[in-house]
Every structure is written in C-alpha cells, then in structure tokens.
Amino acid sequence: MILLSRLNGQQIALNADLIERAEATPDTVLTLVDGTKHVVAESVEEVIDRVRHYRASVLVTAKQLEESGGQGRATLRALPSPGDS
C-alpha cells in the first residue's frame, strides 16, 4: 500500500495494485479498477514514484525471504516516501 494525502490533508493508504489510471485535472484523480475515484494532493509523478518504491520494496522482501530459505519472517514496515528525510 502507498500513503497519499487527500486535499484536506487526511492521509489514506491505497492498494497500489488497484490503481487503473492517474489523471491530472489539475488535481490528481486516481481511478481504481472498480471505478472508485480518489482525489489526492500528490502529483501524478509523485504517485508513480510511490508505486515504484512500493513495488521495489516488495521485490527486495521477496529476495530476502528467498535467500533466507524461508526461515526468517519478513518484517513489514512503513517506508518513507521518496525524497523524505
């Protein structure tokens, strides 16, 4: 999931795999595969970066599990957004 902000500043966690499209109208409107729309404060480019970052973290975790032979447990943690300190 990725963390995004509604226009009122409220944070939402959105399943990145369910995003069908992102449009700048000029606000960023995300349309999910079921037709649900979310208007977020982040730009389309920021949303794309967060989805890439999320998917990369999934691949890294899968690789770590593979290398440990499945012996260890994967640790799920919130990752900072790209560019955050």
N, C-alpha and C. Protein backbone atom coordinates (compact mmCIF):
# COMPACT_ATOMS: atom_id res chain seq x y z
N MET A 1 0.84 -1.18 0.00
CA MET A 1 0.00 0.00 0.00
C MET A 1 0.89 1.25 0.00
N ILE A 2 0.35 2.30 -0.56
CA ILE A 2 1.07 3.57 -0.56
C ILE A 2 0.28 4.59 0.24
N LEU A 3 1.00 5.50 0.91
CA LEU A 3 0.36 6.57 1.66
C LEU A 3 0.22 7.80 0.78
N LEU A 4 -0.99 8.34 0.74
CA LEU A 4 -1.28 9.54 -0.03
C LEU A 4 -2.09 10.48 0.85
N SER A 5 -2.24 11.71 0.40
CA SER A 5 -3.00 12.71 1.15
C SER A 5 -4.19 13.19 0.34
N ARG A 6 -5.33 13.24 1.01
CA ARG A 6 -6.50 13.86 0.39
C ARG A 6 -6.24 15.37 0.35
N LEU A 7 -7.05 16.10 -0.36
CA LEU A 7 -6.86 17.54 -0.46
C LEU A 7 -7.00 18.24 0.89
N ASN A 8 -7.75 17.65 1.83
CA ASN A 8 -7.92 18.24 3.16
C ASN A 8 -6.77 17.88 4.10
N GLY A 9 -5.76 17.13 3.60
CA GLY A 9 -4.60 16.76 4.40
C GLY A 9 -4.70 15.40 5.06
N GLN A 10 -5.89 14.79 5.08
CA GLN A 10 -6.06 13.47 5.68
C GLN A 10 -5.29 12.43 4.87
N GLN A 11 -4.52 11.59 5.57
CA GLN A 11 -3.76 10.54 4.87
C GLN A 11 -4.62 9.32 4.64
N ILE A 12 -4.40 8.69 3.49
CA ILE A 12 -5.07 7.43 3.18
C ILE A 12 -4.01 6.45 2.69
N ALA A 13 -4.22 5.18 2.97
CA ALA A 13 -3.37 4.11 2.44
C ALA A 13 -4.15 3.46 1.30
N LEU A 14 -3.53 3.39 0.15
CA LEU A 14 -4.20 2.90 -1.05
C LEU A 14 -3.45 1.71 -1.61
N ASN A 15 -4.16 0.67 -1.98
CA ASN A 15 -3.56 -0.50 -2.58
C ASN A 15 -3.09 -0.12 -3.99
N ALA A 16 -1.78 -0.04 -4.17
CA ALA A 16 -1.20 0.42 -5.44
C ALA A 16 -1.55 -0.50 -6.61
N ASP A 17 -1.82 -1.78 -6.31
CA ASP A 17 -2.13 -2.73 -7.38
C ASP A 17 -3.53 -2.52 -7.95
N LEU A 18 -4.35 -1.72 -7.29
CA LEU A 18 -5.71 -1.50 -7.77
C LEU A 18 -5.88 -0.21 -8.56
N ILE A 19 -4.79 0.55 -8.72
CA ILE A 19 -4.87 1.81 -9.48
C ILE A 19 -4.91 1.47 -10.98
N GLU A 20 -5.97 1.92 -11.62
CA GLU A 20 -6.10 1.72 -13.07
C GLU A 20 -5.48 2.87 -13.84
N ARG A 21 -5.74 4.11 -13.36
CA ARG A 21 -5.16 5.27 -14.04
C ARG A 21 -5.06 6.45 -13.08
N ALA A 22 -4.18 7.36 -13.43
CA ALA A 22 -3.98 8.60 -12.68
C ALA A 22 -4.06 9.75 -13.67
N GLU A 23 -4.86 10.74 -13.33
CA GLU A 23 -5.05 11.88 -14.23
C GLU A 23 -4.83 13.18 -13.46
N ALA A 24 -4.21 14.14 -14.12
CA ALA A 24 -4.07 15.49 -13.58
C ALA A 24 -5.15 16.35 -14.21
N THR A 25 -6.10 16.85 -13.41
CA THR A 25 -7.28 17.53 -13.98
C THR A 25 -7.61 18.89 -13.41
N PRO A 26 -6.88 19.77 -12.84
CA PRO A 26 -5.47 19.75 -12.48
C PRO A 26 -5.18 18.98 -11.20
N ASP A 27 -6.22 18.72 -10.33
CA ASP A 27 -5.97 17.87 -9.17
C ASP A 27 -5.72 16.46 -9.66
N THR A 28 -4.99 15.69 -8.88
CA THR A 28 -4.70 14.31 -9.28
C THR A 28 -5.88 13.42 -8.89
N VAL A 29 -6.46 12.77 -9.89
CA VAL A 29 -7.58 11.86 -9.68
C VAL A 29 -7.10 10.45 -9.99
N LEU A 30 -7.21 9.57 -8.99
CA LEU A 30 -6.84 8.17 -9.18
C LEU A 30 -8.12 7.37 -9.36
N THR A 31 -8.17 6.58 -10.43
CA THR A 31 -9.31 5.71 -10.67
C THR A 31 -8.85 4.29 -10.42
N LEU A 32 -9.58 3.59 -9.55
CA LEU A 32 -9.25 2.20 -9.25
C LEU A 32 -9.96 1.28 -10.23
N VAL A 33 -9.56 0.02 -10.24
CA VAL A 33 -10.11 -0.93 -11.19
C VAL A 33 -11.62 -1.14 -11.03
N ASP A 34 -12.16 -0.85 -9.84
CA ASP A 34 -13.61 -0.99 -9.62
C ASP A 34 -14.37 0.30 -9.94
N GLY A 35 -13.65 1.32 -10.43
CA GLY A 35 -14.29 2.58 -10.80
C GLY A 35 -14.27 3.63 -9.71
N THR A 36 -13.87 3.27 -8.48
CA THR A 36 -13.77 4.23 -7.39
C THR A 36 -12.74 5.29 -7.73
N LYS A 37 -13.07 6.54 -7.42
CA LYS A 37 -12.14 7.64 -7.70
C LYS A 37 -11.68 8.27 -6.39
N HIS A 38 -10.41 8.62 -6.33
CA HIS A 38 -9.84 9.32 -5.19
C HIS A 38 -9.09 10.54 -5.71
N VAL A 39 -9.35 11.70 -5.10
CA VAL A 39 -8.62 12.92 -5.44
C VAL A 39 -7.55 13.09 -4.36
N VAL A 40 -6.30 13.21 -4.80
CA VAL A 40 -5.19 13.30 -3.86
C VAL A 40 -4.35 14.56 -4.12
N ALA A 41 -3.62 14.96 -3.09
CA ALA A 41 -2.80 16.18 -3.18
C ALA A 41 -1.53 15.97 -3.99
N GLU A 42 -1.02 14.75 -4.03
CA GLU A 42 0.23 14.47 -4.73
C GLU A 42 0.04 14.57 -6.24
N SER A 43 1.12 14.90 -6.93
CA SER A 43 1.08 14.95 -8.40
C SER A 43 1.08 13.53 -8.96
N VAL A 44 0.73 13.43 -10.24
CA VAL A 44 0.77 12.12 -10.90
C VAL A 44 2.17 11.54 -10.81
N GLU A 45 3.19 12.38 -10.99
CA GLU A 45 4.57 11.90 -10.93
C GLU A 45 4.92 11.36 -9.54
N GLU A 46 4.43 12.04 -8.49
CA GLU A 46 4.68 11.56 -7.12
C GLU A 46 3.99 10.22 -6.87
N VAL A 47 2.78 10.06 -7.37
CA VAL A 47 2.06 8.79 -7.23
C VAL A 47 2.84 7.68 -7.92
N ILE A 48 3.32 7.94 -9.12
CA ILE A 48 4.10 6.94 -9.86
C ILE A 48 5.36 6.57 -9.09
N ASP A 49 6.05 7.57 -8.53
CA ASP A 49 7.26 7.29 -7.73
C ASP A 49 6.94 6.42 -6.52
N ARG A 50 5.83 6.69 -5.86
CA ARG A 50 5.47 5.90 -4.68
C ARG A 50 5.10 4.47 -5.05
N VAL A 51 4.43 4.30 -6.19
CA VAL A 51 4.10 2.95 -6.65
C VAL A 51 5.38 2.20 -6.99
N ARG A 52 6.32 2.84 -7.68
CA ARG A 52 7.60 2.19 -8.00
C ARG A 52 8.35 1.81 -6.73
N HIS A 53 8.40 2.71 -5.76
CA HIS A 53 9.09 2.47 -4.50
C HIS A 53 8.45 1.29 -3.76
N TYR A 54 7.12 1.26 -3.73
CA TYR A 54 6.39 0.16 -3.08
C TYR A 54 6.71 -1.17 -3.76
N ARG A 55 6.64 -1.20 -5.07
CA ARG A 55 6.88 -2.46 -5.79
C ARG A 55 8.32 -2.92 -5.64
N ALA A 56 9.26 -1.98 -5.63
CA ALA A 56 10.67 -2.34 -5.40
C ALA A 56 10.84 -2.95 -4.02
N SER A 57 10.15 -2.39 -3.01
CA SER A 57 10.26 -2.94 -1.65
C SER A 57 9.69 -4.34 -1.58
N VAL A 58 8.66 -4.64 -2.35
CA VAL A 58 8.10 -5.99 -2.39
C VAL A 58 9.13 -6.96 -2.96
N LEU A 59 9.80 -6.55 -4.03
CA LEU A 59 10.81 -7.41 -4.65
C LEU A 59 11.99 -7.65 -3.71
N VAL A 60 12.42 -6.62 -3.00
CA VAL A 60 13.53 -6.76 -2.05
C VAL A 60 13.15 -7.73 -0.94
N THR A 61 11.95 -7.61 -0.41
CA THR A 61 11.50 -8.50 0.66
C THR A 61 11.42 -9.94 0.16
N ALA A 62 10.92 -10.13 -1.05
CA ALA A 62 10.84 -11.48 -1.62
C ALA A 62 12.24 -12.08 -1.79
N LYS A 63 13.19 -11.27 -2.24
CA LYS A 63 14.56 -11.74 -2.40
C LYS A 63 15.17 -12.13 -1.05
N GLN A 64 14.92 -11.32 -0.03
CA GLN A 64 15.43 -11.63 1.31
C GLN A 64 14.85 -12.94 1.83
N LEU A 65 13.58 -13.15 1.61
CA LEU A 65 12.95 -14.41 2.03
C LEU A 65 13.54 -15.59 1.28
N GLU A 66 13.76 -15.40 0.00
CA GLU A 66 14.35 -16.46 -0.82
C GLU A 66 15.74 -16.82 -0.33
N GLU A 67 16.54 -15.80 -0.03
CA GLU A 67 17.91 -16.03 0.42
C GLU A 67 17.97 -16.66 1.80
N SER A 68 16.97 -16.42 2.64
CA SER A 68 16.96 -17.00 3.98
C SER A 68 16.35 -18.39 3.98
N GLY A 69 15.95 -18.87 2.81
CA GLY A 69 15.34 -20.19 2.72
C GLY A 69 13.98 -20.25 3.38
N GLY A 70 13.37 -19.10 3.55
CA GLY A 70 12.06 -19.06 4.17
C GLY A 70 12.11 -19.23 5.68
N GLN A 71 13.32 -19.27 6.24
CA GLN A 71 13.46 -19.47 7.68
C GLN A 71 13.07 -18.25 8.49
N GLY A 72 13.40 -17.09 7.99
CA GLY A 72 13.10 -15.87 8.73
C GLY A 72 11.72 -15.36 8.37
N ARG A 73 11.26 -14.46 9.16
CA ARG A 73 9.98 -13.83 8.87
C ARG A 73 10.23 -12.50 8.19
N ALA A 74 9.41 -12.18 7.25
CA ALA A 74 9.52 -10.89 6.59
C ALA A 74 9.00 -9.82 7.55
N THR A 75 9.70 -8.74 7.65
CA THR A 75 9.28 -7.64 8.50
C THR A 75 8.61 -6.59 7.64
N LEU A 76 7.34 -6.32 7.92
CA LEU A 76 6.63 -5.29 7.19
C LEU A 76 6.83 -3.98 7.94
N ARG A 77 7.18 -2.94 7.21
CA ARG A 77 7.38 -1.66 7.83
C ARG A 77 6.99 -0.56 6.86
N ALA A 78 6.60 0.55 7.40
CA ALA A 78 6.26 1.70 6.57
C ALA A 78 7.55 2.30 6.04
N LEU A 79 7.59 2.56 4.77
CA LEU A 79 8.77 3.16 4.14
C LEU A 79 8.50 4.64 3.92
N PRO A 80 9.52 5.46 4.11
CA PRO A 80 9.32 6.89 3.82
C PRO A 80 9.08 7.10 2.33
N SER A 81 8.38 8.14 2.03
CA SER A 81 8.15 8.48 0.63
C SER A 81 9.46 8.94 0.02
N PRO A 82 9.67 8.71 -1.29
CA PRO A 82 10.89 9.18 -1.93
C PRO A 82 11.05 10.69 -1.70
N GLY A 83 12.24 11.08 -1.32
CA GLY A 83 12.52 12.48 -1.08
C GLY A 83 12.32 12.93 0.35
N ASP A 84 11.66 12.08 1.18
CA ASP A 84 11.51 12.43 2.59
C ASP A 84 12.81 12.16 3.33
N SER A 85 13.07 12.93 4.37
CA SER A 85 14.29 12.74 5.16
C SER A 85 14.07 11.76 6.27
